[in-house]
C-alpha cells in the first residue's frame, strides 16, 4: 500500500526533525570538554540518526536538516549551557512523541516501506 501524499509529507517532516536533532546533538558534543558528558550526548545523536533512517524507509527520500535550528541550539548550548539546550529539545520531543504514535499506527496499519526497484 502506498502512502498518501499528506502522510508522506508528514513523515518527511518528522524525518527532518530527526536529522536536525542528530546534527544538534553532534554539534553540542563537539564542544563539551568533559568526556563523560560527550559519552552521554553522542549516543543521542546516533539514536536520532537511526530514527531518521527508519522514517526514510517509508519516504524513500533524503531530507536535509534545519541548519538554522542546528546553529541556534549550538549557540544556546554554548551561551546558556548544554543542559539547558537539551531540556529545550526534550520539550519538543514530548510533543513529537504524540504525533509519532499516531503516525506509527497509521503506517503499520497498511503501508509498507516503498523499497527501490
PDB file of N, CA and C in Angstrom:
ATOM      1  N   UNK A   1       0.841  -1.176   0.000  1.00  0.00           N
ATOM      2  CA  UNK A   1       0.000   0.000   0.000  1.00  0.00           C
ATOM      3  C   UNK A   1       0.887   1.241   0.000  1.00  0.00           C
ATOM      4  N   UNK A   2       0.606   2.149  -0.871  1.00  0.00           N
ATOM      5  CA  UNK A   2       1.361   3.394  -0.969  1.00  0.00           C
ATOM      6  C   UNK A   2       0.903   4.377   0.113  1.00  0.00           C
ATOM      7  N   UNK A   3       1.813   5.219   0.517  1.00  0.00           N
ATOM      8  CA  UNK A   3       1.471   6.273   1.463  1.00  0.00           C
ATOM      9  C   UNK A   3       0.724   7.378   0.732  1.00  0.00           C
ATOM     10  N   UNK A   4      -0.243   7.965   1.390  1.00  0.00           N
ATOM     11  CA  UNK A   4      -0.923   9.116   0.799  1.00  0.00           C
ATOM     12  C   UNK A   4       0.069  10.278   0.765  1.00  0.00           C
ATOM     13  N   UNK A   5      -0.105  11.213  -0.151  1.00  0.00           N
ATOM     14  CA  UNK A   5       0.813  12.364  -0.197  1.00  0.00           C
ATOM     15  C   UNK A   5       0.874  13.137   1.121  1.00  0.00           C
ATOM     16  N   UNK A   6      -0.262  13.279   1.788  1.00  0.00           N
ATOM     17  CA  UNK A   6      -0.252  14.028   3.052  1.00  0.00           C
ATOM     18  C   UNK A   6       0.515  13.277   4.135  1.00  0.00           C
ATOM     19  N   UNK A   7       0.361  11.951   4.189  1.00  0.00           N
ATOM     20  CA  UNK A   7       1.088  11.154   5.172  1.00  0.00           C
ATOM     21  C   UNK A   7       2.585  11.155   4.848  1.00  0.00           C
ATOM     22  N   UNK A   8       2.909  11.047   3.585  1.00  0.00           N
ATOM     23  CA  UNK A   8       4.312  11.064   3.187  1.00  0.00           C
ATOM     24  C   UNK A   8       4.953  12.407   3.557  1.00  0.00           C
ATOM     25  N   UNK A   9       4.209  13.493   3.396  1.00  0.00           N
ATOM     26  CA  UNK A   9       4.723  14.817   3.757  1.00  0.00           C
ATOM     27  C   UNK A   9       4.957  14.917   5.260  1.00  0.00           C
ATOM     28  N   UNK A  10       4.026  14.396   6.034  1.00  0.00           N
ATOM     29  CA  UNK A  10       4.180  14.421   7.498  1.00  0.00           C
ATOM     30  C   UNK A  10       5.375  13.590   7.939  1.00  0.00           C
ATOM     31  N   UNK A  11       5.557  12.438   7.297  1.00  0.00           N
ATOM     32  CA  UNK A  11       6.698  11.589   7.642  1.00  0.00           C
ATOM     33  C   UNK A  11       8.012  12.270   7.281  1.00  0.00           C
ATOM     34  N   UNK A  12       8.048  12.958   6.155  1.00  0.00           N
ATOM     35  CA  UNK A  12       9.260  13.681   5.762  1.00  0.00           C
ATOM     36  C   UNK A  12       9.564  14.807   6.754  1.00  0.00           C
ATOM     37  N   UNK A  13       8.535  15.437   7.292  1.00  0.00           N
ATOM     38  CA  UNK A  13       8.730  16.475   8.300  1.00  0.00           C
ATOM     39  C   UNK A  13       9.329  15.878   9.563  1.00  0.00           C
ATOM     40  N   UNK A  14       8.816  14.739   9.966  1.00  0.00           N
ATOM     41  CA  UNK A  14       9.362  14.047  11.137  1.00  0.00           C
ATOM     42  C   UNK A  14      10.798  13.613  10.859  1.00  0.00           C
ATOM     43  N   UNK A  15      11.021  13.099   9.682  1.00  0.00           N
ATOM     44  CA  UNK A  15      12.354  12.668   9.283  1.00  0.00           C
ATOM     45  C   UNK A  15      13.332  13.849   9.369  1.00  0.00           C
ATOM     46  N   UNK A  16      12.908  15.011   8.928  1.00  0.00           N
ATOM     47  CA  UNK A  16      13.756  16.204   9.004  1.00  0.00           C
ATOM     48  C   UNK A  16      14.048  16.563  10.458  1.00  0.00           C
ATOM     49  N   UNK A  17      13.053  16.408  11.308  1.00  0.00           N
ATOM     50  CA  UNK A  17      13.278  16.666  12.732  1.00  0.00           C
ATOM     51  C   UNK A  17      14.319  15.744  13.325  1.00  0.00           C
ATOM     52  N   UNK A  18      14.309  14.495  12.891  1.00  0.00           N
ATOM     53  CA  UNK A  18      15.281  13.519  13.398  1.00  0.00           C
ATOM     54  C   UNK A  18      16.697  13.857  12.944  1.00  0.00           C
ATOM     55  N   UNK A  19      16.870  14.209  11.673  1.00  0.00           N
ATOM     56  CA  UNK A  19      18.218  14.523  11.187  1.00  0.00           C
ATOM     57  C   UNK A  19      18.691  15.843  11.782  1.00  0.00           C
ATOM     58  N   UNK A  20      17.770  16.753  12.026  1.00  0.00           N
ATOM     59  CA  UNK A  20      18.130  18.006  12.687  1.00  0.00           C
ATOM     60  C   UNK A  20      18.612  17.719  14.107  1.00  0.00           C
ATOM     61  N   UNK A  21      17.866  16.892  14.830  1.00  0.00           N
ATOM     62  CA  UNK A  21      18.265  16.504  16.183  1.00  0.00           C
ATOM     63  C   UNK A  21      19.630  15.832  16.207  1.00  0.00           C
ATOM     64  N   UNK A  22      19.871  14.986  15.228  1.00  0.00           N
ATOM     65  CA  UNK A  22      21.168  14.313  15.110  1.00  0.00           C
ATOM     66  C   UNK A  22      22.294  15.341  15.034  1.00  0.00           C
ATOM     67  N   UNK A  23      22.127  16.325  14.162  1.00  0.00           N
ATOM     68  CA  UNK A  23      23.177  17.333  13.990  1.00  0.00           C
ATOM     69  C   UNK A  23      23.304  18.250  15.206  1.00  0.00           C
ATOM     70  N   UNK A  24      22.206  18.529  15.881  1.00  0.00           N
ATOM     71  CA  UNK A  24      22.274  19.347  17.097  1.00  0.00           C
ATOM     72  C   UNK A  24      23.087  18.624  18.161  1.00  0.00           C
ATOM     73  N   UNK A  25      22.756  17.359  18.411  1.00  0.00           N
ATOM     74  CA  UNK A  25      23.496  16.602  19.422  1.00  0.00           C
ATOM     75  C   UNK A  25      24.971  16.466  19.047  1.00  0.00           C
ATOM     76  N   UNK A  26      25.244  16.216  17.763  1.00  0.00           N
ATOM     77  CA  UNK A  26      26.640  16.124  17.327  1.00  0.00           C
ATOM     78  C   UNK A  26      27.374  17.428  17.576  1.00  0.00           C
ATOM     79  N   UNK A  27      26.737  18.541  17.244  1.00  0.00           N
ATOM     80  CA  UNK A  27      27.371  19.849  17.426  1.00  0.00           C
ATOM     81  C   UNK A  27      27.643  20.111  18.902  1.00  0.00           C
ATOM     82  N   UNK A  28      26.662  19.839  19.737  1.00  0.00           N
ATOM     83  CA  UNK A  28      26.847  20.054  21.175  1.00  0.00           C
ATOM     84  C   UNK A  28      27.996  19.195  21.699  1.00  0.00           C
ATOM     85  N   UNK A  29      28.038  17.947  21.279  1.00  0.00           N
ATOM     86  CA  UNK A  29      29.077  17.028  21.755  1.00  0.00           C
ATOM     87  C   UNK A  29      30.477  17.494  21.378  1.00  0.00           C
ATOM     88  N   UNK A  30      30.609  18.178  20.246  1.00  0.00           N
ATOM     89  CA  UNK A  30      31.944  18.572  19.794  1.00  0.00           C
ATOM     90  C   UNK A  30      32.604  19.601  20.696  1.00  0.00           C
ATOM     91  N   UNK A  31      31.828  20.403  21.408  1.00  0.00           N
ATOM     92  CA  UNK A  31      32.464  21.417  22.239  1.00  0.00           C
ATOM     93  C   UNK A  31      32.383  21.119  23.740  1.00  0.00           C
ATOM     94  N   UNK A  32      31.942  19.922  24.102  1.00  0.00           N
ATOM     95  CA  UNK A  32      31.893  19.571  25.518  1.00  0.00           C
ATOM     96  C   UNK A  32      33.286  19.150  25.990  1.00  0.00           C
ATOM     97  N   UNK A  33      33.826  19.822  26.994  1.00  0.00           N
ATOM     98  CA  UNK A  33      35.165  19.461  27.457  1.00  0.00           C
ATOM     99  C   UNK A  33      35.192  18.175  28.280  1.00  0.00           C
ATOM    100  N   UNK A  34      34.071  17.831  28.886  1.00  0.00           N
ATOM    101  CA  UNK A  34      34.005  16.648  29.748  1.00  0.00           C
ATOM    102  C   UNK A  34      33.669  15.404  28.924  1.00  0.00           C
ATOM    103  N   UNK A  35      34.572  14.457  28.946  1.00  0.00           N
ATOM    104  CA  UNK A  35      34.403  13.204  28.189  1.00  0.00           C
ATOM    105  C   UNK A  35      33.130  12.465  28.604  1.00  0.00           C
ATOM    106  N   UNK A  36      32.805  12.483  29.897  1.00  0.00           N
ATOM    107  CA  UNK A  36      31.594  11.797  30.362  1.00  0.00           C
ATOM    108  C   UNK A  36      30.341  12.403  29.745  1.00  0.00           C
ATOM    109  N   UNK A  37      30.293  13.722  29.627  1.00  0.00           N
ATOM    110  CA  UNK A  37      29.145  14.367  29.003  1.00  0.00           C
ATOM    111  C   UNK A  37      29.061  14.009  27.519  1.00  0.00           C
ATOM    112  N   UNK A  38      30.197  13.963  26.846  1.00  0.00           N
ATOM    113  CA  UNK A  38      30.205  13.572  25.430  1.00  0.00           C
ATOM    114  C   UNK A  38      29.689  12.147  25.262  1.00  0.00           C
ATOM    115  N   UNK A  39      30.066  11.266  26.194  1.00  0.00           N
ATOM    116  CA  UNK A  39      29.605   9.868  26.105  1.00  0.00           C
ATOM    117  C   UNK A  39      28.097   9.740  26.306  1.00  0.00           C
ATOM    118  N   UNK A  40      27.484  10.715  26.934  1.00  0.00           N
ATOM    119  CA  UNK A  40      26.029  10.728  27.088  1.00  0.00           C
ATOM    120  C   UNK A  40      25.365  11.302  25.839  1.00  0.00           C
ATOM    121  N   UNK A  41      25.933  12.356  25.273  1.00  0.00           N
ATOM    122  CA  UNK A  41      25.323  13.068  24.148  1.00  0.00           C
ATOM    123  C   UNK A  41      25.505  12.326  22.820  1.00  0.00           C
ATOM    124  N   UNK A  42      26.656  11.738  22.596  1.00  0.00           N
ATOM    125  CA  UNK A  42      26.915  11.085  21.310  1.00  0.00           C
ATOM    126  C   UNK A  42      25.925   9.958  20.986  1.00  0.00           C
ATOM    127  N   UNK A  43      25.546   9.120  21.949  1.00  0.00           N
ATOM    128  CA  UNK A  43      24.523   8.111  21.627  1.00  0.00           C
ATOM    129  C   UNK A  43      23.162   8.717  21.278  1.00  0.00           C
ATOM    130  N   UNK A  44      22.863   9.884  21.830  1.00  0.00           N
ATOM    131  CA  UNK A  44      21.612  10.554  21.466  1.00  0.00           C
ATOM    132  C   UNK A  44      21.646  10.950  19.993  1.00  0.00           C
ATOM    133  N   UNK A  45      22.799  11.436  19.538  1.00  0.00           N
ATOM    134  CA  UNK A  45      22.956  11.774  18.124  1.00  0.00           C
ATOM    135  C   UNK A  45      22.773  10.536  17.256  1.00  0.00           C
ATOM    136  N   UNK A  46      23.365   9.439  17.672  1.00  0.00           N
ATOM    137  CA  UNK A  46      23.246   8.194  16.911  1.00  0.00           C
ATOM    138  C   UNK A  46      21.803   7.696  16.890  1.00  0.00           C
ATOM    139  N   UNK A  47      21.107   7.841  18.000  1.00  0.00           N
ATOM    140  CA  UNK A  47      19.706   7.424  18.071  1.00  0.00           C
ATOM    141  C   UNK A  47      18.843   8.228  17.107  1.00  0.00           C
ATOM    142  N   UNK A  48      19.056   9.543  17.080  1.00  0.00           N
ATOM    143  CA  UNK A  48      18.293  10.395  16.160  1.00  0.00           C
ATOM    144  C   UNK A  48      18.565  10.002  14.709  1.00  0.00           C
ATOM    145  N   UNK A  49      19.812   9.674  14.394  1.00  0.00           N
ATOM    146  CA  UNK A  49      20.146   9.243  13.038  1.00  0.00           C
ATOM    147  C   UNK A  49      19.450   7.919  12.709  1.00  0.00           C
ATOM    148  N   UNK A  50      19.383   7.029  13.678  1.00  0.00           N
ATOM    149  CA  UNK A  50      18.663   5.773  13.476  1.00  0.00           C
ATOM    150  C   UNK A  50      17.188   6.001  13.193  1.00  0.00           C
ATOM    151  N   UNK A  51      16.582   6.929  13.932  1.00  0.00           N
ATOM    152  CA  UNK A  51      15.166   7.261  13.704  1.00  0.00           C
ATOM    153  C   UNK A  51      14.978   7.847  12.304  1.00  0.00           C
ATOM    154  N   UNK A  52      15.914   8.695  11.894  1.00  0.00           N
ATOM    155  CA  UNK A  52      15.876   9.281  10.546  1.00  0.00           C
ATOM    156  C   UNK A  52      15.804   8.171   9.494  1.00  0.00           C
ATOM    157  N   UNK A  53      16.636   7.140   9.663  1.00  0.00           N
ATOM    158  CA  UNK A  53      16.674   6.059   8.670  1.00  0.00           C
ATOM    159  C   UNK A  53      15.414   5.194   8.696  1.00  0.00           C
ATOM    160  N   UNK A  54      14.801   5.072   9.853  1.00  0.00           N
ATOM    161  CA  UNK A  54      13.527   4.337   9.925  1.00  0.00           C
ATOM    162  C   UNK A  54      12.475   5.047   9.082  1.00  0.00           C
ATOM    163  N   UNK A  55      12.355   6.365   9.275  1.00  0.00           N
ATOM    164  CA  UNK A  55      11.354   7.120   8.509  1.00  0.00           C
ATOM    165  C   UNK A  55      11.712   7.157   7.031  1.00  0.00           C
ATOM    166  N   UNK A  56      12.993   7.139   6.716  1.00  0.00           N
ATOM    167  CA  UNK A  56      13.430   7.156   5.316  1.00  0.00           C
ATOM    168  C   UNK A  56      12.963   5.896   4.574  1.00  0.00           C
ATOM    169  N   UNK A  57      12.815   4.798   5.291  1.00  0.00           N
ATOM    170  CA  UNK A  57      12.304   3.577   4.660  1.00  0.00           C
ATOM    171  C   UNK A  57      10.911   3.810   4.078  1.00  0.00           C
ATOM    172  N   UNK A  58      10.160   4.684   4.697  1.00  0.00           N
ATOM    173  CA  UNK A  58       8.804   4.972   4.234  1.00  0.00           C
ATOM    174  C   UNK A  58       8.764   6.080   3.193  1.00  0.00           C
ATOM    175  N   UNK A  59       9.558   7.116   3.391  1.00  0.00           N
ATOM    176  CA  UNK A  59       9.519   8.246   2.467  1.00  0.00           C
ATOM    177  C   UNK A  59      10.366   8.015   1.224  1.00  0.00           C
ATOM    178  N   UNK A  60      11.383   7.153   1.353  1.00  0.00           N
ATOM    179  CA  UNK A  60      12.322   6.881   0.261  1.00  0.00           C
ATOM    180  C   UNK A  60      12.980   8.161  -0.262  1.00  0.00           C
ATOM    181  N   UNK A  61      13.266   9.075   0.649  1.00  0.00           N
ATOM    182  CA  UNK A  61      13.944  10.303   0.249  1.00  0.00           C
ATOM    183  C   UNK A  61      14.873  10.764   1.359  1.00  0.00           C
ATOM    184  N   UNK A  62      15.911  11.468   0.936  1.00  0.00           N
ATOM    185  CA  UNK A  62      16.785  12.138   1.890  1.00  0.00           C
ATOM    186  C   UNK A  62      16.216  13.525   2.130  1.00  0.00           C
ATOM    187  N   UNK A  63      16.284  13.963   3.361  1.00  0.00           N
ATOM    188  CA  UNK A  63      15.881  15.317   3.679  1.00  0.00           C
ATOM    189  C   UNK A  63      17.036  15.984   4.415  1.00  0.00           C
ATOM    190  N   UNK A  64      17.159  17.279   4.230  1.00  0.00           N
ATOM    191  CA  UNK A  64      18.251  17.997   4.873  1.00  0.00           C
ATOM    192  C   UNK A  64      17.802  18.509   6.233  1.00  0.00           C
ATOM    193  N   UNK A  65      18.755  18.677   7.128  1.00  0.00           N
ATOM    194  CA  UNK A  65      18.399  19.209   8.443  1.00  0.00           C
ATOM    195  C   UNK A  65      18.001  20.676   8.363  1.00  0.00           C
ATOM    196  N   UNK A  66      17.391  21.131   9.395  1.00  0.00           N
ATOM    197  CA  UNK A  66      17.060  22.548   9.542  1.00  0.00           C
ATOM    198  C   UNK A  66      18.315  23.213  10.110  1.00  0.00           C
ATOM    199  N   UNK A  67      19.212  23.643   9.220  1.00  0.00           N
ATOM    200  CA  UNK A  67      20.503  24.184   9.652  1.00  0.00           C
ATOM    201  C   UNK A  67      20.383  25.400  10.560  1.00  0.00           C
ATOM    202  N   UNK A  68      19.460  26.336  10.306  1.00  0.00           N
ATOM    203  CA  UNK A  68      19.346  27.454  11.253  1.00  0.00           C
ATOM    204  C   UNK A  68      19.016  26.990  12.679  1.00  0.00           C
ATOM    205  N   UNK A  69      18.206  25.948  12.799  1.00  0.00           N
ATOM    206  CA  UNK A  69      17.872  25.423  14.116  1.00  0.00           C
ATOM    207  C   UNK A  69      19.086  24.743  14.752  1.00  0.00           C
ATOM    208  N   UNK A  70      19.860  24.031  13.945  1.00  0.00           N
ATOM    209  CA  UNK A  70      21.094  23.411  14.444  1.00  0.00           C
ATOM    210  C   UNK A  70      22.014  24.502  14.993  1.00  0.00           C
ATOM    211  N   UNK A  71      22.169  25.568  14.227  1.00  0.00           N
ATOM    212  CA  UNK A  71      23.020  26.675  14.648  1.00  0.00           C
ATOM    213  C   UNK A  71      22.490  27.294  15.942  1.00  0.00           C
ATOM    214  N   UNK A  72      21.171  27.528  15.991  1.00  0.00           N
ATOM    215  CA  UNK A  72      20.567  28.160  17.162  1.00  0.00           C
ATOM    216  C   UNK A  72      20.775  27.334  18.427  1.00  0.00           C
ATOM    217  N   UNK A  73      20.521  26.039  18.344  1.00  0.00           N
ATOM    218  CA  UNK A  73      20.712  25.187  19.524  1.00  0.00           C
ATOM    219  C   UNK A  73      22.183  25.126  19.925  1.00  0.00           C
ATOM    220  N   UNK A  74      23.077  25.133  18.946  1.00  0.00           N
ATOM    221  CA  UNK A  74      24.501  25.181  19.272  1.00  0.00           C
ATOM    222  C   UNK A  74      24.841  26.445  20.040  1.00  0.00           C
ATOM    223  N   UNK A  75      24.279  27.561  19.607  1.00  0.00           N
ATOM    224  CA  UNK A  75      24.503  28.833  20.286  1.00  0.00           C
ATOM    225  C   UNK A  75      23.908  28.813  21.694  1.00  0.00           C
ATOM    226  N   UNK A  76      22.685  28.317  21.814  1.00  0.00           N
ATOM    227  CA  UNK A  76      22.036  28.230  23.124  1.00  0.00           C
ATOM    228  C   UNK A  76      22.875  27.364  24.063  1.00  0.00           C
ATOM    229  N   UNK A  77      23.383  26.251  23.554  1.00  0.00           N
ATOM    230  CA  UNK A  77      24.181  25.357  24.389  1.00  0.00           C
ATOM    231  C   UNK A  77      25.464  26.031  24.860  1.00  0.00           C
ATOM    232  N   UNK A  78      26.066  26.821  23.991  1.00  0.00           N
ATOM    233  CA  UNK A  78      27.310  27.500  24.371  1.00  0.00           C
ATOM    234  C   UNK A  78      27.061  28.646  25.350  1.00  0.00           C
ATOM    235  N   UNK A  79      25.977  29.379  25.139  1.00  0.00           N
ATOM    236  CA  UNK A  79      25.715  30.567  25.961  1.00  0.00           C
ATOM    237  C   UNK A  79      25.027  30.199  27.279  1.00  0.00           C
ATOM    238  N   UNK A  80      24.013  29.361  27.208  1.00  0.00           N
ATOM    239  CA  UNK A  80      23.213  29.047  28.393  1.00  0.00           C
ATOM    240  C   UNK A  80      23.516  27.678  28.992  1.00  0.00           C
ATOM    241  N   UNK A  81      24.361  26.920  28.320  1.00  0.00           N
ATOM    242  CA  UNK A  81      24.744  25.603  28.825  1.00  0.00           C
ATOM    243  C   UNK A  81      24.058  24.493  28.059  1.00  0.00           C
ATOM    244  N   UNK A  82      24.783  23.389  27.921  1.00  0.00           N
ATOM    245  CA  UNK A  82      24.235  22.290  27.128  1.00  0.00           C
ATOM    246  C   UNK A  82      23.040  21.647  27.812  1.00  0.00           C
ATOM    247  N   UNK A  83      22.989  21.662  29.121  1.00  0.00           N
ATOM    248  CA  UNK A  83      21.841  21.082  29.829  1.00  0.00           C
ATOM    249  C   UNK A  83      20.568  21.850  29.487  1.00  0.00           C
ATOM    250  N   UNK A  84      20.670  23.155  29.439  1.00  0.00           N
ATOM    251  CA  UNK A  84      19.518  23.984  29.078  1.00  0.00           C
ATOM    252  C   UNK A  84      19.056  23.655  27.660  1.00  0.00           C
ATOM    253  N   UNK A  85      19.993  23.555  26.728  1.00  0.00           N
ATOM    254  CA  UNK A  85      19.653  23.251  25.337  1.00  0.00           C
ATOM    255  C   UNK A  85      19.000  21.872  25.225  1.00  0.00           C
ATOM    256  N   UNK A  86      19.520  20.897  25.931  1.00  0.00           N
ATOM    257  CA  UNK A  86      18.950  19.543  25.895  1.00  0.00           C
ATOM    258  C   UNK A  86      17.533  19.548  26.463  1.00  0.00           C
ATOM    259  N   UNK A  87      17.314  20.276  27.547  1.00  0.00           N
ATOM    260  CA  UNK A  87      15.970  20.363  28.127  1.00  0.00           C
ATOM    261  C   UNK A  87      14.992  21.007  27.147  1.00  0.00           C
ATOM    262  N   UNK A  88      15.432  22.021  26.425  1.00  0.00           N
ATOM    263  CA  UNK A  88      14.590  22.630  25.389  1.00  0.00           C
ATOM    264  C   UNK A  88      14.220  21.609  24.320  1.00  0.00           C
ATOM    265  N   UNK A  89      15.212  20.836  23.903  1.00  0.00           N
ATOM    266  CA  UNK A  89      14.961  19.813  22.881  1.00  0.00           C
ATOM    267  C   UNK A  89      13.980  18.766  23.394  1.00  0.00           C
ATOM    268  N   UNK A  90      14.102  18.389  24.667  1.00  0.00           N
ATOM    269  CA  UNK A  90      13.209  17.382  25.240  1.00  0.00           C
ATOM    270  C   UNK A  90      11.762  17.844  25.218  1.00  0.00           C
ATOM    271  N   UNK A  91      11.524  19.135  25.410  1.00  0.00           N
ATOM    272  CA  UNK A  91      10.152  19.650  25.351  1.00  0.00           C
ATOM    273  C   UNK A  91       9.560  19.421  23.966  1.00  0.00           C
ATOM    274  N   UNK A  92      10.342  19.667  22.939  1.00  0.00           N
ATOM    275  CA  UNK A  92       9.889  19.412  21.571  1.00  0.00           C
ATOM    276  C   UNK A  92       9.684  17.932  21.316  1.00  0.00           C
ATOM    277  N   UNK A  93      10.536  17.104  21.900  1.00  0.00           N
ATOM    278  CA  UNK A  93      10.416  15.653  21.737  1.00  0.00           C
ATOM    279  C   UNK A  93       9.111  15.133  22.325  1.00  0.00           C
ATOM    280  N   UNK A  94       8.712  15.664  23.476  1.00  0.00           N
ATOM    281  CA  UNK A  94       7.480  15.213  24.107  1.00  0.00           C
ATOM    282  C   UNK A  94       6.277  15.469  23.205  1.00  0.00           C
ATOM    283  N   UNK A  95       6.242  16.636  22.579  1.00  0.00           N
ATOM    284  CA  UNK A  95       5.153  16.949  21.660  1.00  0.00           C
ATOM    285  C   UNK A  95       5.208  16.046  20.438  1.00  0.00           C
ATOM    286  N   UNK A  96       6.408  15.803  19.949  1.00  0.00           N
ATOM    287  CA  UNK A  96       6.564  14.979  18.756  1.00  0.00           C
ATOM    288  C   UNK A  96       6.157  13.529  19.017  1.00  0.00           C
ATOM    289  N   UNK A  97       6.371  13.029  20.220  1.00  0.00           N
ATOM    290  CA  UNK A  97       6.045  11.642  20.536  1.00  0.00           C
ATOM    291  C   UNK A  97       4.562  11.351  20.325  1.00  0.00           C
ATOM    292  N   UNK A  98       3.710  12.307  20.626  1.00  0.00           N
ATOM    293  CA  UNK A  98       2.273  12.111  20.412  1.00  0.00           C
ATOM    294  C   UNK A  98       1.974  11.947  18.921  1.00  0.00           C
ATOM    295  N   UNK A  99       2.578  12.793  18.115  1.00  0.00           N
ATOM    296  CA  UNK A  99       2.376  12.699  16.666  1.00  0.00           C
ATOM    297  C   UNK A  99       2.971  11.412  16.129  1.00  0.00           C
ATOM    298  N   UNK A 100       4.137  11.008  16.642  1.00  0.00           N
ATOM    299  CA  UNK A 100       4.788   9.783  16.177  1.00  0.00           C
ATOM    300  C   UNK A 100       3.917   8.569  16.437  1.00  0.00           C
ATOM    301  N   UNK A 101       3.316   8.515  17.608  1.00  0.00           N
ATOM    302  CA  UNK A 101       2.480   7.364  17.963  1.00  0.00           C
ATOM    303  C   UNK A 101       1.313   7.233  16.994  1.00  0.00           C
ATOM    304  N   UNK A 102       0.681   8.346  16.690  1.00  0.00           N
ATOM    305  CA  UNK A 102      -0.452   8.327  15.765  1.00  0.00           C
ATOM    306  C   UNK A 102       0.005   7.923  14.366  1.00  0.00           C
ATOM    307  N   UNK A 103       1.102   8.465  13.913  1.00  0.00           N
ATOM    308  CA  UNK A 103       1.608   8.144  12.575  1.00  0.00           C
ATOM    309  C   UNK A 103       2.093   6.708  12.487  1.00  0.00           C
ATOM    310  N   UNK A 104       2.746   6.235  13.527  1.00  0.00           N
ATOM    311  CA  UNK A 104       3.230   4.856  13.520  1.00  0.00           C
ATOM    312  C   UNK A 104       2.067   3.884  13.386  1.00  0.00           C
ATOM    313  N   UNK A 105       0.954   4.188  14.036  1.00  0.00           N
ATOM    314  CA  UNK A 105      -0.236   3.349  13.931  1.00  0.00           C
ATOM    315  C   UNK A 105      -0.765   3.356  12.499  1.00  0.00           C
ATOM    316  N   UNK A 106      -0.817   4.535  11.887  1.00  0.00           N
ATOM    317  CA  UNK A 106      -1.313   4.640  10.513  1.00  0.00           C
ATOM    318  C   UNK A 106      -0.391   3.933   9.538  1.00  0.00           C
ATOM    319  N   UNK A 107       0.911   4.078   9.730  1.00  0.00           N
ATOM    320  CA  UNK A 107       1.874   3.464   8.810  1.00  0.00           C
ATOM    321  C   UNK A 107       1.815   1.939   8.964  1.00  0.00           C
ATOM    322  N   UNK A 108       1.823   1.440  10.194  1.00  0.00           N
ATOM    323  CA  UNK A 108       1.836  -0.006  10.398  1.00  0.00           C
ATOM    324  C   UNK A 108       0.494  -0.644  10.052  1.00  0.00           C
ATOM    325  N   UNK A 109      -0.571   0.147  10.013  1.00  0.00           N
ATOM    326  CA  UNK A 109      -1.892  -0.390   9.719  1.00  0.00           C
ATOM    327  C   UNK A 109      -2.089  -0.723   8.239  1.00  0.00           C
ATOM    328  N   UNK A 110      -1.219  -0.238   7.379  1.00  0.00           N
ATOM    329  CA  UNK A 110      -1.485  -0.574   5.991  1.00  0.00           C
ATOM    330  C   UNK A 110      -0.398  -0.203   5.012  1.00  0.00           C
ATOM    331  N   UNK A 111       0.556   0.549   5.421  1.00  0.00           N
ATOM    332  CA  UNK A 111       1.582   0.978   4.472  1.00  0.00           C
ATOM    333  C   UNK A 111       2.895   0.287   4.785  1.00  0.00           C
ATOM    334  N   UNK A 112       3.462  -0.332   3.805  1.00  0.00           N
ATOM    335  CA  UNK A 112       4.770  -0.926   3.991  1.00  0.00           C
ATOM    336  C   UNK A 112       5.789  -0.034   3.302  1.00  0.00           C
ATOM    337  N   UNK A 113       7.047  -0.153   3.697  1.00  0.00           N
ATOM    338  CA  UNK A 113       8.048   0.694   3.054  1.00  0.00           C
ATOM    339  C   UNK A 113       8.077   0.486   1.544  1.00  0.00           C
ATOM    340  N   UNK A 114       8.299   1.583   0.834  1.00  0.00           N
ATOM    341  CA  UNK A 114       8.440   1.512  -0.622  1.00  0.00           C
ATOM    342  C   UNK A 114       9.901   1.234  -0.923  1.00  0.00           C
ATOM    343  N   UNK A 115      10.209   0.017  -1.224  1.00  0.00           N
ATOM    344  CA  UNK A 115      11.608  -0.337  -1.470  1.00  0.00           C
ATOM    345  C   UNK A 115      11.957  -0.013  -2.918  1.00  0.00           C
ATOM    346  N   UNK A 116      13.161   0.491  -3.131  1.00  0.00           N
ATOM    347  CA  UNK A 116      13.571   0.835  -4.510  1.00  0.00           C
ATOM    348  C   UNK A 116      13.590  -0.397  -5.386  1.00  0.00           C
ATOM    349  N   UNK A 117      13.332  -0.149  -6.655  1.00  0.00           N
ATOM    350  CA  UNK A 117      13.467  -1.224  -7.633  1.00  0.00           C
ATOM    351  C   UNK A 117      12.184  -1.837  -7.935  1.00  0.00           C
TER     352      UNK A 117
END
